[in-house]
Amino acid sequence: MHLLKYYSLTLAFYIFEIALFKTIYPVWNFDIFWLNALLRFTLVVFFSITIRQILFRDSNYFYQKFLILIILNPIVASSILRGFSGYYPETDILILKFISDLISSLIVFIALKKIT
């Protein structure tokens, strides 16, 4: 049941992130790295607070364990997105964002598994 709640919350936050990105991107005048990093960082923080309250109430040192995720995920995802948007400028930015988010999530997951 926790796994279903976790992925339901993840999906809800990600849909919200994609909607924000799609809305803001056309008027964003700065590097795509900063838009993606700002959105991801903000939503990862809110996601961590939400899952802490809903799923991990009794967990000790929860935020210390997720600190790496909160820091690494936006940086990795935004760096990959910047690279993809440079190499594939004709590809829809939302497709590139999805792919970069997926790759960064896998990288962060693997890193977390190794250090915990």
C-alpha atoms as a PDB file:
ATOM      1  CA  MET A   1       0.000   0.000   0.000  1.00  0.00           C
ATOM      2  CA  HIS A   2       2.886   2.419   0.757  1.00  0.00           C
ATOM      3  CA  LEU A   3       4.384   1.757  -2.663  1.00  0.00           C
ATOM      4  CA  LEU A   4       1.107   2.629  -4.376  1.00  0.00           C
ATOM      5  CA  LYS A   5       0.779   5.833  -2.332  1.00  0.00           C
ATOM      6  CA  TYR A   6       4.406   6.740  -3.026  1.00  0.00           C
ATOM      7  CA  TYR A   7       4.070   6.367  -6.793  1.00  0.00           C
ATOM      8  CA  SER A   8       0.663   8.062  -6.836  1.00  0.00           C
ATOM      9  CA  LEU A   9       2.171  11.074  -5.088  1.00  0.00           C
ATOM     10  CA  THR A  10       5.185  10.973  -7.396  1.00  0.00           C
ATOM     11  CA  LEU A  11       2.929  10.962 -10.442  1.00  0.00           C
ATOM     12  CA  ALA A  12       0.798  13.840  -9.119  1.00  0.00           C
ATOM     13  CA  PHE A  13       3.868  15.983  -8.409  1.00  0.00           C
ATOM     14  CA  TYR A  14       5.405  15.141 -11.785  1.00  0.00           C
ATOM     15  CA  ILE A  15       2.250  16.017 -13.715  1.00  0.00           C
ATOM     16  CA  PHE A  16       2.171  19.323 -11.853  1.00  0.00           C
ATOM     17  CA  GLU A  17       5.850  19.916 -12.685  1.00  0.00           C
ATOM     18  CA  ILE A  18       5.305  19.175 -16.382  1.00  0.00           C
ATOM     19  CA  ALA A  19       2.299  21.530 -16.474  1.00  0.00           C
ATOM     20  CA  LEU A  20       4.324  24.320 -14.843  1.00  0.00           C
ATOM     21  CA  PHE A  21       7.255  23.722 -17.172  1.00  0.00           C
ATOM     22  CA  LYS A  22       5.020  23.751 -20.249  1.00  0.00           C
ATOM     23  CA  THR A  23       3.399  26.999 -19.088  1.00  0.00           C
ATOM     24  CA  ILE A  24       6.567  28.851 -18.111  1.00  0.00           C
ATOM     25  CA  TYR A  25       8.982  27.642 -20.828  1.00  0.00           C
ATOM     26  CA  PRO A  26       7.574  29.728 -23.715  1.00  0.00           C
ATOM     27  CA  VAL A  27       8.126  32.966 -21.782  1.00  0.00           C
ATOM     28  CA  TRP A  28      11.355  31.967 -19.994  1.00  0.00           C
ATOM     29  CA  ASN A  29      14.219  34.173 -21.198  1.00  0.00           C
ATOM     30  CA  PHE A  30      17.054  32.456 -19.367  1.00  0.00           C
ATOM     31  CA  ASP A  31      18.939  29.178 -19.710  1.00  0.00           C
ATOM     32  CA  ILE A  32      16.685  26.122 -19.597  1.00  0.00           C
ATOM     33  CA  PHE A  33      18.950  24.718 -16.876  1.00  0.00           C
ATOM     34  CA  TRP A  34      17.699  27.343 -14.400  1.00  0.00           C
ATOM     35  CA  LEU A  35      14.014  26.830 -15.164  1.00  0.00           C
ATOM     36  CA  ASN A  36      14.263  23.089 -14.754  1.00  0.00           C
ATOM     37  CA  ALA A  37      16.502  23.302 -11.681  1.00  0.00           C
ATOM     38  CA  LEU A  38      14.190  25.792  -9.983  1.00  0.00           C
ATOM     39  CA  LEU A  39      11.070  23.728 -10.647  1.00  0.00           C
ATOM     40  CA  ARG A  40      12.676  20.406  -9.725  1.00  0.00           C
ATOM     41  CA  PHE A  41      14.290  21.716  -6.559  1.00  0.00           C
ATOM     42  CA  THR A  42      11.087  23.362  -5.356  1.00  0.00           C
ATOM     43  CA  LEU A  43       8.924  20.354  -6.093  1.00  0.00           C
ATOM     44  CA  VAL A  44      11.420  17.843  -4.674  1.00  0.00           C
ATOM     45  CA  VAL A  45      11.414  19.802  -1.417  1.00  0.00           C
ATOM     46  CA  PHE A  46       7.601  19.857  -1.282  1.00  0.00           C
ATOM     47  CA  PHE A  47       7.474  16.192  -2.309  1.00  0.00           C
ATOM     48  CA  SER A  48       9.861  15.260   0.500  1.00  0.00           C
ATOM     49  CA  ILE A  49       7.760  17.148   3.041  1.00  0.00           C
ATOM     50  CA  THR A  50       4.589  15.502   1.737  1.00  0.00           C
ATOM     51  CA  ILE A  51       5.868  11.926   1.760  1.00  0.00           C
ATOM     52  CA  ARG A  52       7.444  12.485   5.165  1.00  0.00           C
ATOM     53  CA  GLN A  53       4.044  13.444   6.591  1.00  0.00           C
ATOM     54  CA  ILE A  54       2.044  10.793   4.737  1.00  0.00           C
ATOM     55  CA  LEU A  55       4.333   7.771   4.451  1.00  0.00           C
ATOM     56  CA  PHE A  56       7.348   8.166   6.700  1.00  0.00           C
ATOM     57  CA  ARG A  57       6.024   9.719   9.910  1.00  0.00           C
ATOM     58  CA  ASP A  58       7.968   7.340  12.110  1.00  0.00           C
ATOM     59  CA  SER A  59      11.194   7.411  10.109  1.00  0.00           C
ATOM     60  CA  ASN A  60      14.277   8.645  11.931  1.00  0.00           C
ATOM     61  CA  TYR A  61      16.686  10.939  10.071  1.00  0.00           C
ATOM     62  CA  PHE A  62      14.357  11.085   7.061  1.00  0.00           C
ATOM     63  CA  TYR A  63      15.571  14.449   5.771  1.00  0.00           C
ATOM     64  CA  GLN A  64      19.229  13.555   6.188  1.00  0.00           C
ATOM     65  CA  LYS A  65      18.627  10.502   4.005  1.00  0.00           C
ATOM     66  CA  PHE A  66      16.805  12.532   1.348  1.00  0.00           C
ATOM     67  CA  LEU A  67      19.181  15.508   1.381  1.00  0.00           C
ATOM     68  CA  ILE A  68      21.273  13.972  -1.394  1.00  0.00           C
ATOM     69  CA  LEU A  69      18.140  13.465  -3.493  1.00  0.00           C
ATOM     70  CA  ILE A  70      17.007  17.043  -2.902  1.00  0.00           C
ATOM     71  CA  ILE A  71      20.380  18.392  -4.030  1.00  0.00           C
ATOM     72  CA  LEU A  72      21.416  15.982  -6.788  1.00  0.00           C
ATOM     73  CA  ASN A  73      18.153  15.392  -8.611  1.00  0.00           C
ATOM     74  CA  PRO A  74      17.572  18.943  -9.896  1.00  0.00           C
ATOM     75  CA  ILE A  75      21.230  19.439 -10.840  1.00  0.00           C
ATOM     76  CA  VAL A  76      21.526  16.142 -12.711  1.00  0.00           C
ATOM     77  CA  ALA A  77      18.149  16.447 -14.457  1.00  0.00           C
ATOM     78  CA  SER A  78      18.774  20.053 -15.498  1.00  0.00           C
ATOM     79  CA  SER A  79      22.282  19.317 -16.769  1.00  0.00           C
ATOM     80  CA  ILE A  80      21.015  16.422 -18.880  1.00  0.00           C
ATOM     81  CA  LEU A  81      18.142  18.543 -20.209  1.00  0.00           C
ATOM     82  CA  ARG A  82      20.514  21.362 -21.147  1.00  0.00           C
ATOM     83  CA  GLY A  83      22.729  18.885 -22.997  1.00  0.00           C
ATOM     84  CA  PHE A  84      19.825  17.230 -24.791  1.00  0.00           C
ATOM     85  CA  SER A  85      18.319  20.566 -25.823  1.00  0.00           C
ATOM     86  CA  GLY A  86      21.678  21.538 -27.343  1.00  0.00           C
ATOM     87  CA  TYR A  87      22.178  18.257 -29.199  1.00  0.00           C
ATOM     88  CA  TYR A  88      18.550  17.836 -30.281  1.00  0.00           C
ATOM     89  CA  PRO A  89      17.174  21.369 -30.754  1.00  0.00           C
ATOM     90  CA  GLU A  90      14.388  20.202 -33.085  1.00  0.00           C
ATOM     91  CA  THR A  91      12.968  17.693 -30.574  1.00  0.00           C
ATOM     92  CA  ASP A  92       9.987  18.738 -28.461  1.00  0.00           C
ATOM     93  CA  ILE A  93      11.333  20.095 -25.174  1.00  0.00           C
ATOM     94  CA  LEU A  94       8.792  18.131 -23.118  1.00  0.00           C
ATOM     95  CA  ILE A  95      10.053  14.860 -24.590  1.00  0.00           C
ATOM     96  CA  LEU A  96      13.629  15.871 -23.771  1.00  0.00           C
ATOM     97  CA  LYS A  97      12.558  16.863 -20.254  1.00  0.00           C
ATOM     98  CA  PHE A  98      10.844  13.532 -19.677  1.00  0.00           C
ATOM     99  CA  ILE A  99      13.892  11.583 -20.882  1.00  0.00           C
ATOM    100  CA  SER A 100      16.304  13.680 -18.816  1.00  0.00           C
ATOM    101  CA  ASP A 101      14.112  13.321 -15.716  1.00  0.00           C
ATOM    102  CA  LEU A 102      13.947   9.570 -16.201  1.00  0.00           C
ATOM    103  CA  ILE A 103      17.719   9.259 -16.621  1.00  0.00           C
ATOM    104  CA  SER A 104      18.426  11.490 -13.622  1.00  0.00           C
ATOM    105  CA  SER A 105      15.992   9.556 -11.452  1.00  0.00           C
ATOM    106  CA  LEU A 106      17.751   6.309 -12.317  1.00  0.00           C
ATOM    107  CA  ILE A 107      21.178   7.817 -11.633  1.00  0.00           C
ATOM    108  CA  VAL A 108      20.097   9.261  -8.278  1.00  0.00           C
ATOM    109  CA  PHE A 109      18.347   6.012  -7.330  1.00  0.00           C
ATOM    110  CA  ILE A 110      21.448   3.948  -8.103  1.00  0.00           C
ATOM    111  CA  ALA A 111      23.637   6.415  -6.174  1.00  0.00           C
ATOM    112  CA  LEU A 112      21.304   6.328  -3.162  1.00  0.00           C
ATOM    113  CA  LYS A 113      21.270   2.521  -3.196  1.00  0.00           C
ATOM    114  CA  LYS A 114      25.070   2.474  -3.149  1.00  0.00           C
ATOM    115  CA  ILE A 115      25.463   4.925  -0.259  1.00  0.00           C
ATOM    116  CA  THR A 116      22.641   3.692   1.966  1.00  0.00           C
END
